[in-house]
Amino acid sequence: MWYAIVGEDRENSLADRLAARPAHVARLNALKDEGRLLLAGPFPAIDSDDPGPAGFTGSLIVAEFASLADAEAWAAADPYVAAGVYASVRVRPFRKVLP
């Protein structure tokens, strides 16, 4: 089943986000290579593709896991969690309808 993982950044997390990004993206690429990643990306803090020093307010990942518990465990092991980038993470079942 698909699961939506929404991480909400803590304030002033940009430097930690940038430092942890290579490890974070490596895990996403592993999901992609396994055919289990539907989409992933950050929420810019301002209305811009490149928010610069304004940074980001969080991230959305939609990926396939065997269970909610597996999705939660994967999310808990994210480098952004370990680096303290995310103030909170929520995992919810997701049903893809379109396209």
PDB file of N, CA and C in Angstrom:
ATOM      1  N   MET A   1       0.845  -1.178   0.000  1.00  0.00           N
ATOM      2  CA  MET A   1       0.000   0.000   0.000  1.00  0.00           C
ATOM      3  C   MET A   1       0.891   1.243   0.000  1.00  0.00           C
ATOM      4  N   TRP A   2       0.328   2.312  -0.523  1.00  0.00           N
ATOM      5  CA  TRP A   2       1.031   3.599  -0.507  1.00  0.00           C
ATOM      6  C   TRP A   2       0.843   4.268   0.843  1.00  0.00           C
ATOM      7  N   TYR A   3       1.875   5.022   1.261  1.00  0.00           N
ATOM      8  CA  TYR A   3       1.814   5.793   2.500  1.00  0.00           C
ATOM      9  C   TYR A   3       2.371   7.180   2.240  1.00  0.00           C
ATOM     10  N   ALA A   4       1.701   8.189   2.803  1.00  0.00           N
ATOM     11  CA  ALA A   4       2.183   9.570   2.737  1.00  0.00           C
ATOM     12  C   ALA A   4       2.930   9.864   4.025  1.00  0.00           C
ATOM     13  N   ILE A   5       4.152  10.301   3.872  1.00  0.00           N
ATOM     14  CA  ILE A   5       4.992  10.668   5.008  1.00  0.00           C
ATOM     15  C   ILE A   5       5.200  12.177   4.933  1.00  0.00           C
ATOM     16  N   VAL A   6       4.738  12.882   5.942  1.00  0.00           N
ATOM     17  CA  VAL A   6       4.863  14.337   5.973  1.00  0.00           C
ATOM     18  C   VAL A   6       5.724  14.718   7.171  1.00  0.00           C
ATOM     19  N   GLY A   7       6.881  15.287   6.876  1.00  0.00           N
ATOM     20  CA  GLY A   7       7.765  15.798   7.909  1.00  0.00           C
ATOM     21  C   GLY A   7       7.634  17.300   7.980  1.00  0.00           C
ATOM     22  N   GLU A   8       7.469  17.816   9.173  1.00  0.00           N
ATOM     23  CA  GLU A   8       7.382  19.264   9.392  1.00  0.00           C
ATOM     24  C   GLU A   8       8.701  19.733   9.992  1.00  0.00           C
ATOM     25  N   ASP A   9       9.372  20.656   9.305  1.00  0.00           N
ATOM     26  CA  ASP A   9      10.660  21.154   9.777  1.00  0.00           C
ATOM     27  C   ASP A   9      10.511  22.010  11.036  1.00  0.00           C
ATOM     28  N   ARG A  10      11.518  21.933  11.896  1.00  0.00           N
ATOM     29  CA  ARG A  10      11.601  22.873  13.010  1.00  0.00           C
ATOM     30  C   ARG A  10      12.095  24.203  12.429  1.00  0.00           C
ATOM     31  N   GLU A  11      11.952  25.261  13.173  1.00  0.00           N
ATOM     32  CA  GLU A  11      12.449  26.563  12.717  1.00  0.00           C
ATOM     33  C   GLU A  11      13.968  26.536  12.605  1.00  0.00           C
ATOM     34  N   ASN A  12      14.473  27.292  11.661  1.00  0.00           N
ATOM     35  CA  ASN A  12      15.915  27.448  11.449  1.00  0.00           C
ATOM     36  C   ASN A  12      16.631  26.111  11.225  1.00  0.00           C
ATOM     37  N   SER A  13      16.014  25.244  10.441  1.00  0.00           N
ATOM     38  CA  SER A  13      16.579  23.910  10.212  1.00  0.00           C
ATOM     39  C   SER A  13      17.390  23.817   8.921  1.00  0.00           C
ATOM     40  N   LEU A  14      17.506  24.897   8.163  1.00  0.00           N
ATOM     41  CA  LEU A  14      18.099  24.809   6.832  1.00  0.00           C
ATOM     42  C   LEU A  14      19.521  24.247   6.843  1.00  0.00           C
ATOM     43  N   ALA A  15      20.385  24.700   7.721  1.00  0.00           N
ATOM     44  CA  ALA A  15      21.766  24.209   7.737  1.00  0.00           C
ATOM     45  C   ALA A  15      21.810  22.708   8.029  1.00  0.00           C
ATOM     46  N   ASP A  16      21.009  22.260   8.978  1.00  0.00           N
ATOM     47  CA  ASP A  16      20.964  20.825   9.284  1.00  0.00           C
ATOM     48  C   ASP A  16      20.343  20.034   8.137  1.00  0.00           C
ATOM     49  N   ARG A  17      19.345  20.613   7.493  1.00  0.00           N
ATOM     50  CA  ARG A  17      18.708  19.961   6.341  1.00  0.00           C
ATOM     51  C   ARG A  17      19.738  19.768   5.235  1.00  0.00           C
ATOM     52  N   LEU A  18      20.485  20.792   4.922  1.00  0.00           N
ATOM     53  CA  LEU A  18      21.475  20.692   3.844  1.00  0.00           C
ATOM     54  C   LEU A  18      22.560  19.667   4.177  1.00  0.00           C
ATOM     55  N   ALA A  19      22.970  19.611   5.434  1.00  0.00           N
ATOM     56  CA  ALA A  19      24.010  18.655   5.836  1.00  0.00           C
ATOM     57  C   ALA A  19      23.515  17.212   5.736  1.00  0.00           C
ATOM     58  N   ALA A  20      22.251  16.970   6.065  1.00  0.00           N
ATOM     59  CA  ALA A  20      21.702  15.611   6.052  1.00  0.00           C
ATOM     60  C   ALA A  20      21.115  15.210   4.702  1.00  0.00           C
ATOM     61  N   ARG A  21      21.018  16.155   3.783  1.00  0.00           N
ATOM     62  CA  ARG A  21      20.339  15.902   2.513  1.00  0.00           C
ATOM     63  C   ARG A  21      20.928  14.742   1.711  1.00  0.00           C
ATOM     64  N   PRO A  22      22.257  14.605   1.555  1.00  0.00           N
ATOM     65  CA  PRO A  22      22.761  13.479   0.753  1.00  0.00           C
ATOM     66  C   PRO A  22      22.296  12.115   1.266  1.00  0.00           C
ATOM     67  N   ALA A  23      22.309  11.906   2.562  1.00  0.00           N
ATOM     68  CA  ALA A  23      21.860  10.635   3.123  1.00  0.00           C
ATOM     69  C   ALA A  23      20.347  10.465   2.953  1.00  0.00           C
ATOM     70  N   HIS A  24      19.600  11.542   3.117  1.00  0.00           N
ATOM     71  CA  HIS A  24      18.144  11.526   2.936  1.00  0.00           C
ATOM     72  C   HIS A  24      17.808  11.143   1.490  1.00  0.00           C
ATOM     73  N   VAL A  25      18.459  11.783   0.539  1.00  0.00           N
ATOM     74  CA  VAL A  25      18.191  11.518  -0.881  1.00  0.00           C
ATOM     75  C   VAL A  25      18.634  10.105  -1.266  1.00  0.00           C
ATOM     76  N   ALA A  26      19.697   9.608  -0.676  1.00  0.00           N
ATOM     77  CA  ALA A  26      20.143   8.240  -0.956  1.00  0.00           C
ATOM     78  C   ALA A  26      19.059   7.231  -0.582  1.00  0.00           C
ATOM     79  N   ARG A  27      18.400   7.444   0.540  1.00  0.00           N
ATOM     80  CA  ARG A  27      17.312   6.533   0.938  1.00  0.00           C
ATOM     81  C   ARG A  27      16.138   6.633  -0.021  1.00  0.00           C
ATOM     82  N   LEU A  28      15.843   7.838  -0.485  1.00  0.00           N
ATOM     83  CA  LEU A  28      14.762   8.008  -1.456  1.00  0.00           C
ATOM     84  C   LEU A  28      15.118   7.326  -2.774  1.00  0.00           C
ATOM     85  N   ASN A  29      16.365   7.453  -3.195  1.00  0.00           N
ATOM     86  CA  ASN A  29      16.796   6.792  -4.427  1.00  0.00           C
ATOM     87  C   ASN A  29      16.707   5.281  -4.305  1.00  0.00           C
ATOM     88  N   ALA A  30      16.956   4.737  -3.133  1.00  0.00           N
ATOM     89  CA  ALA A  30      16.811   3.288  -2.927  1.00  0.00           C
ATOM     90  C   ALA A  30      15.359   2.873  -3.121  1.00  0.00           C
ATOM     91  N   LEU A  31      14.423   3.654  -2.574  1.00  0.00           N
ATOM     92  CA  LEU A  31      13.004   3.370  -2.800  1.00  0.00           C
ATOM     93  C   LEU A  31      12.661   3.462  -4.278  1.00  0.00           C
ATOM     94  N   LYS A  32      13.182   4.490  -4.938  1.00  0.00           N
ATOM     95  CA  LYS A  32      12.925   4.672  -6.375  1.00  0.00           C
ATOM     96  C   LYS A  32      13.446   3.476  -7.164  1.00  0.00           C
ATOM     97  N   ASP A  33      14.659   3.047  -6.860  1.00  0.00           N
ATOM     98  CA  ASP A  33      15.265   1.918  -7.571  1.00  0.00           C
ATOM     99  C   ASP A  33      14.467   0.629  -7.367  1.00  0.00           C
ATOM    100  N   GLU A  34      13.793   0.524  -6.236  1.00  0.00           N
ATOM    101  CA  GLU A  34      12.953  -0.644  -5.945  1.00  0.00           C
ATOM    102  C   GLU A  34      11.554  -0.496  -6.533  1.00  0.00           C
ATOM    103  N   GLY A  35      11.259   0.645  -7.186  1.00  0.00           N
ATOM    104  CA  GLY A  35       9.943   0.886  -7.770  1.00  0.00           C
ATOM    105  C   GLY A  35       8.876   1.197  -6.731  1.00  0.00           C
ATOM    106  N   ARG A  36       9.296   1.699  -5.560  1.00  0.00           N
ATOM    107  CA  ARG A  36       8.369   1.931  -4.456  1.00  0.00           C
ATOM    108  C   ARG A  36       8.151   3.411  -4.145  1.00  0.00           C
ATOM    109  N   LEU A  37       8.725   4.310  -4.924  1.00  0.00           N
ATOM    110  CA  LEU A  37       8.581   5.742  -4.668  1.00  0.00           C
ATOM    111  C   LEU A  37       7.644   6.357  -5.695  1.00  0.00           C
ATOM    112  N   LEU A  38       6.560   6.957  -5.226  1.00  0.00           N
ATOM    113  CA  LEU A  38       5.628   7.646  -6.111  1.00  0.00           C
ATOM    114  C   LEU A  38       6.066   9.085  -6.330  1.00  0.00           C
ATOM    115  N   LEU A  39       6.433   9.767  -5.245  1.00  0.00           N
ATOM    116  CA  LEU A  39       6.922  11.141  -5.335  1.00  0.00           C
ATOM    117  C   LEU A  39       7.565  11.538  -4.028  1.00  0.00           C
ATOM    118  N   ALA A  40       8.405  12.553  -4.113  1.00  0.00           N
ATOM    119  CA  ALA A  40       9.051  13.086  -2.914  1.00  0.00           C
ATOM    120  C   ALA A  40       9.521  14.496  -3.198  1.00  0.00           C
ATOM    121  N   GLY A  41       9.444  15.350  -2.193  1.00  0.00           N
ATOM    122  CA  GLY A  41       9.954  16.704  -2.344  1.00  0.00           C
ATOM    123  C   GLY A  41       9.660  17.554  -1.136  1.00  0.00           C
ATOM    124  N   PRO A  42      10.345  18.700  -1.069  1.00  0.00           N
ATOM    125  CA  PRO A  42      10.179  19.609   0.071  1.00  0.00           C
ATOM    126  C   PRO A  42       9.090  20.653  -0.179  1.00  0.00           C
ATOM    127  N   PHE A  43       8.666  21.264   0.918  1.00  0.00           N
ATOM    128  CA  PHE A  43       7.742  22.398   0.875  1.00  0.00           C
ATOM    129  C   PHE A  43       8.571  23.669   1.046  1.00  0.00           C
ATOM    130  N   PRO A  44       8.770  24.472  -0.017  1.00  0.00           N
ATOM    131  CA  PRO A  44       9.505  25.726   0.144  1.00  0.00           C
ATOM    132  C   PRO A  44       8.784  26.661   1.122  1.00  0.00           C
ATOM    133  N   ALA A  45       9.555  27.389   1.902  1.00  0.00           N
ATOM    134  CA  ALA A  45       8.982  28.310   2.883  1.00  0.00           C
ATOM    135  C   ALA A  45       8.348  29.534   2.230  1.00  0.00           C
ATOM    136  N   ILE A  46       8.735  29.806   0.986  1.00  0.00           N
ATOM    137  CA  ILE A  46       8.151  30.915   0.237  1.00  0.00           C
ATOM    138  C   ILE A  46       7.724  30.393  -1.135  1.00  0.00           C
ATOM    139  N   ASP A  47       6.990  31.182  -1.858  1.00  0.00           N
ATOM    140  CA  ASP A  47       6.461  30.779  -3.168  1.00  0.00           C
ATOM    141  C   ASP A  47       7.558  30.868  -4.224  1.00  0.00           C
ATOM    142  N   SER A  48       8.473  29.889  -4.176  1.00  0.00           N
ATOM    143  CA  SER A  48       9.604  29.884  -5.087  1.00  0.00           C
ATOM    144  C   SER A  48      10.173  28.474  -5.177  1.00  0.00           C
ATOM    145  N   ASP A  49      10.606  28.079  -6.387  1.00  0.00           N
ATOM    146  CA  ASP A  49      11.278  26.792  -6.539  1.00  0.00           C
ATOM    147  C   ASP A  49      12.588  26.762  -5.756  1.00  0.00           C
ATOM    148  N   ASP A  50      13.241  27.907  -5.651  1.00  0.00           N
ATOM    149  CA  ASP A  50      14.491  28.016  -4.905  1.00  0.00           C
ATOM    150  C   ASP A  50      14.303  29.068  -3.813  1.00  0.00           C
ATOM    151  N   PRO A  51      13.925  28.639  -2.608  1.00  0.00           N
ATOM    152  CA  PRO A  51      13.632  29.615  -1.558  1.00  0.00           C
ATOM    153  C   PRO A  51      14.850  30.242  -0.905  1.00  0.00           C
ATOM    154  N   GLY A  52      16.045  29.795  -1.298  1.00  0.00           N
ATOM    155  CA  GLY A  52      17.259  30.384  -0.736  1.00  0.00           C
ATOM    156  C   GLY A  52      17.287  30.276   0.774  1.00  0.00           C
ATOM    157  N   PRO A  53      17.694  31.346   1.457  1.00  0.00           N
ATOM    158  CA  PRO A  53      17.826  31.287   2.915  1.00  0.00           C
ATOM    159  C   PRO A  53      16.499  31.123   3.658  1.00  0.00           C
ATOM    160  N   ALA A  54      15.368  31.331   2.965  1.00  0.00           N
ATOM    161  CA  ALA A  54      14.068  31.112   3.616  1.00  0.00           C
ATOM    162  C   ALA A  54      13.885  29.628   3.943  1.00  0.00           C
ATOM    163  N   GLY A  55      14.525  28.771   3.154  1.00  0.00           N
ATOM    164  CA  GLY A  55      14.498  27.343   3.440  1.00  0.00           C
ATOM    165  C   GLY A  55      13.183  26.663   3.136  1.00  0.00           C
ATOM    166  N   PHE A  56      12.898  25.660   3.932  1.00  0.00           N
ATOM    167  CA  PHE A  56      11.753  24.794   3.699  1.00  0.00           C
ATOM    168  C   PHE A  56      10.979  24.609   4.995  1.00  0.00           C
ATOM    169  N   THR A  57       9.713  24.240   4.866  1.00  0.00           N
ATOM    170  CA  THR A  57       8.875  24.016   6.040  1.00  0.00           C
ATOM    171  C   THR A  57       8.616  22.539   6.299  1.00  0.00           C
ATOM    172  N   GLY A  58       9.068  21.681   5.398  1.00  0.00           N
ATOM    173  CA  GLY A  58       8.853  20.250   5.568  1.00  0.00           C
ATOM    174  C   GLY A  58       9.014  19.517   4.259  1.00  0.00           C
ATOM    175  N   SER A  59       8.582  18.261   4.260  1.00  0.00           N
ATOM    176  CA  SER A  59       8.725  17.399   3.089  1.00  0.00           C
ATOM    177  C   SER A  59       7.533  16.465   2.984  1.00  0.00           C
ATOM    178  N   LEU A  60       7.276  16.021   1.750  1.00  0.00           N
ATOM    179  CA  LEU A  60       6.264  15.011   1.478  1.00  0.00           C
ATOM    180  C   LEU A  60       6.922  13.870   0.725  1.00  0.00           C
ATOM    181  N   ILE A  61       6.684  12.658   1.189  1.00  0.00           N
ATOM    182  CA  ILE A  61       7.138  11.444   0.513  1.00  0.00           C
ATOM    183  C   ILE A  61       5.923  10.545   0.394  1.00  0.00           C
ATOM    184  N   VAL A  62       5.678  10.024  -0.794  1.00  0.00           N
ATOM    185  CA  VAL A  62       4.639   9.011  -0.977  1.00  0.00           C
ATOM    186  C   VAL A  62       5.345   7.781  -1.516  1.00  0.00           C
ATOM    187  N   ALA A  63       5.313   6.716  -0.730  1.00  0.00           N
ATOM    188  CA  ALA A  63       6.041   5.504  -1.078  1.00  0.00           C
ATOM    189  C   ALA A  63       5.242   4.272  -0.661  1.00  0.00           C
ATOM    190  N   GLU A  64       5.629   3.146  -1.246  1.00  0.00           N
ATOM    191  CA  GLU A  64       4.942   1.885  -0.980  1.00  0.00           C
ATOM    192  C   GLU A  64       5.680   1.088   0.094  1.00  0.00           C
ATOM    193  N   PHE A  65       4.907   0.607   1.063  1.00  0.00           N
ATOM    194  CA  PHE A  65       5.425  -0.232   2.128  1.00  0.00           C
ATOM    195  C   PHE A  65       4.450  -1.371   2.369  1.00  0.00           C
ATOM    196  N   ALA A  66       4.911  -2.426   3.012  1.00  0.00           N
ATOM    197  CA  ALA A  66       4.067  -3.586   3.286  1.00  0.00           C
ATOM    198  C   ALA A  66       3.003  -3.281   4.332  1.00  0.00           C
ATOM    199  N   SER A  67       3.293  -2.336   5.230  1.00  0.00           N
ATOM    200  CA  SER A  67       2.357  -2.023   6.312  1.00  0.00           C
ATOM    201  C   SER A  67       2.611  -0.618   6.836  1.00  0.00           C
ATOM    202  N   LEU A  68       1.661  -0.125   7.593  1.00  0.00           N
ATOM    203  CA  LEU A  68       1.828   1.173   8.248  1.00  0.00           C
ATOM    204  C   LEU A  68       3.027   1.128   9.192  1.00  0.00           C
ATOM    205  N   ALA A  69       3.186   0.038   9.917  1.00  0.00           N
ATOM    206  CA  ALA A  69       4.323  -0.086  10.834  1.00  0.00           C
ATOM    207  C   ALA A  69       5.646  -0.007  10.087  1.00  0.00           C
ATOM    208  N   ASP A  70       5.728  -0.633   8.911  1.00  0.00           N
ATOM    209  CA  ASP A  70       6.955  -0.557   8.108  1.00  0.00           C
ATOM    210  C   ASP A  70       7.216   0.868   7.638  1.00  0.00           C
ATOM    211  N   ALA A  71       6.166   1.566   7.213  1.00  0.00           N
ATOM    212  CA  ALA A  71       6.314   2.957   6.768  1.00  0.00           C
ATOM    213  C   ALA A  71       6.759   3.842   7.925  1.00  0.00           C
ATOM    214  N   GLU A  72       6.179   3.629   9.101  1.00  0.00           N
ATOM    215  CA  GLU A  72       6.553   4.423  10.272  1.00  0.00           C
ATOM    216  C   GLU A  72       8.001   4.159  10.676  1.00  0.00           C
ATOM    217  N   ALA A  73       8.414   2.902  10.603  1.00  0.00           N
ATOM    218  CA  ALA A  73       9.800   2.573  10.952  1.00  0.00           C
ATOM    219  C   ALA A  73      10.768   3.197   9.966  1.00  0.00           C
ATOM    220  N   TRP A  74      10.426   3.172   8.679  1.00  0.00           N
ATOM    221  CA  TRP A  74      11.283   3.776   7.657  1.00  0.00           C
ATOM    222  C   TRP A  74      11.382   5.285   7.910  1.00  0.00           C
ATOM    223  N   ALA A  75      10.249   5.916   8.182  1.00  0.00           N
ATOM    224  CA  ALA A  75      10.238   7.364   8.424  1.00  0.00           C
ATOM    225  C   ALA A  75      11.045   7.722   9.669  1.00  0.00           C
ATOM    226  N   ALA A  76      10.956   6.917  10.705  1.00  0.00           N
ATOM    227  CA  ALA A  76      11.678   7.193  11.953  1.00  0.00           C
ATOM    228  C   ALA A  76      13.186   7.108  11.770  1.00  0.00           C
ATOM    229  N   ALA A  77      13.630   6.341  10.775  1.00  0.00           N
ATOM    230  CA  ALA A  77      15.071   6.176  10.521  1.00  0.00           C
ATOM    231  C   ALA A  77      15.609   7.188   9.519  1.00  0.00           C
ATOM    232  N   ASP A  78      14.813   8.157   9.129  1.00  0.00           N
ATOM    233  CA  ASP A  78      15.254   9.141   8.137  1.00  0.00           C
ATOM    234  C   ASP A  78      16.379  10.011   8.702  1.00  0.00           C
ATOM    235  N   PRO A  79      17.379  10.314   7.899  1.00  0.00           N
ATOM    236  CA  PRO A  79      18.460  11.194   8.353  1.00  0.00           C
ATOM    237  C   PRO A  79      17.976  12.573   8.813  1.00  0.00           C
ATOM    238  N   TYR A  80      16.882  13.064   8.259  1.00  0.00           N
ATOM    239  CA  TYR A  80      16.359  14.349   8.722  1.00  0.00           C
ATOM    240  C   TYR A  80      15.840  14.237  10.158  1.00  0.00           C
ATOM    241  N   VAL A  81      15.317  13.086  10.528  1.00  0.00           N
ATOM    242  CA  VAL A  81      14.890  12.864  11.914  1.00  0.00           C
ATOM    243  C   VAL A  81      16.124  12.846  12.818  1.00  0.00           C
ATOM    244  N   ALA A  82      17.126  12.079  12.421  1.00  0.00           N
ATOM    245  CA  ALA A  82      18.354  11.961  13.230  1.00  0.00           C
ATOM    246  C   ALA A  82      19.047  13.307  13.402  1.00  0.00           C
ATOM    247  N   ALA A  83      18.981  14.160  12.370  1.00  0.00           N
ATOM    248  CA  ALA A  83      19.644  15.466  12.417  1.00  0.00           C
ATOM    249  C   ALA A  83      18.792  16.531  13.110  1.00  0.00           C
ATOM    250  N   GLY A  84      17.576  16.185  13.507  1.00  0.00           N
ATOM    251  CA  GLY A  84      16.709  17.152  14.168  1.00  0.00           C
ATOM    252  C   GLY A  84      16.072  18.155  13.230  1.00  0.00           C
ATOM    253  N   VAL A  85      16.060  17.858  11.933  1.00  0.00           N
ATOM    254  CA  VAL A  85      15.430  18.758  10.957  1.00  0.00           C
ATOM    255  C   VAL A  85      13.921  18.782  11.166  1.00  0.00           C
ATOM    256  N   TYR A  86      13.342  17.602  11.323  1.00  0.00           N
ATOM    257  CA  TYR A  86      11.894  17.510  11.480  1.00  0.00           C
ATOM    258  C   TYR A  86      11.494  17.697  12.942  1.00  0.00           C
ATOM    259  N   ALA A  87      10.530  18.578  13.168  1.00  0.00           N
ATOM    260  CA  ALA A  87       9.931  18.727  14.490  1.00  0.00           C
ATOM    261  C   ALA A  87       8.896  17.632  14.712  1.00  0.00           C
ATOM    262  N   SER A  88       8.281  17.176  13.620  1.00  0.00           N
ATOM    263  CA  SER A  88       7.292  16.103  13.706  1.00  0.00           C
ATOM    264  C   SER A  88       7.219  15.381  12.362  1.00  0.00           C
ATOM    265  N   VAL A  89       6.788  14.137  12.427  1.00  0.00           N
ATOM    266  CA  VAL A  89       6.593  13.322  11.229  1.00  0.00           C
ATOM    267  C   VAL A  89       5.266  12.594  11.383  1.00  0.00           C
ATOM    268  N   ARG A  90       4.473  12.638  10.325  1.00  0.00           N
ATOM    269  CA  ARG A  90       3.194  11.934  10.326  1.00  0.00           C
ATOM    270  C   ARG A  90       3.169  10.982   9.143  1.00  0.00           C
ATOM    271  N   VAL A  91       2.720   9.760   9.372  1.00  0.00           N
ATOM    272  CA  VAL A  91       2.610   8.750   8.325  1.00  0.00           C
ATOM    273  C   VAL A  91       1.149   8.341   8.231  1.00  0.00           C
ATOM    274  N   ARG A  92       0.625   8.396   6.988  1.00  0.00           N
ATOM    275  CA  ARG A  92      -0.786   8.064   6.784  1.00  0.00           C
ATOM    276  C   ARG A  92      -0.934   7.180   5.560  1.00  0.00           C
ATOM    277  N   PRO A  93      -1.852   6.222   5.591  1.00  0.00           N
ATOM    278  CA  PRO A  93      -2.145   5.451   4.377  1.00  0.00           C
ATOM    279  C   PRO A  93      -2.614   6.406   3.278  1.00  0.00           C
ATOM    280  N   PHE A  94      -2.267   6.080   2.049  1.00  0.00           N
ATOM    281  CA  PHE A  94      -2.591   6.931   0.903  1.00  0.00           C
ATOM    282  C   PHE A  94      -3.128   6.055  -0.220  1.00  0.00           C
ATOM    283  N   ARG A  95      -4.211   6.463  -0.814  1.00  0.00           N
ATOM    284  CA  ARG A  95      -4.766   5.730  -1.944  1.00  0.00           C
ATOM    285  C   ARG A  95      -4.638   6.578  -3.202  1.00  0.00           C
ATOM    286  N   LYS A  96      -3.796   6.137  -4.113  1.00  0.00           N
ATOM    287  CA  LYS A  96      -3.588   6.861  -5.370  1.00  0.00           C
ATOM    288  C   LYS A  96      -4.793   6.646  -6.281  1.00  0.00           C
ATOM    289  N   VAL A  97      -5.359   7.742  -6.759  1.00  0.00           N
ATOM    290  CA  VAL A  97      -6.503   7.681  -7.663  1.00  0.00           C
ATOM    291  C   VAL A  97      -6.122   8.209  -9.047  1.00  0.00           C
ATOM    292  N   LEU A  98      -5.496   9.358  -9.111  1.00  0.00           N
ATOM    293  CA  LEU A  98      -5.127   9.972 -10.386  1.00  0.00           C
ATOM    294  C   LEU A  98      -3.683  10.432 -10.339  1.00  0.00           C
ATOM    295  N   PRO A  99      -2.987  10.551 -11.381  1.00  0.00           N
ATOM    296  CA  PRO A  99      -3.335  10.004 -12.703  1.00  0.00           C
ATOM    297  C   PRO A  99      -3.154   8.513 -12.719  1.00  0.00           C
TER     298      PRO A  99
END
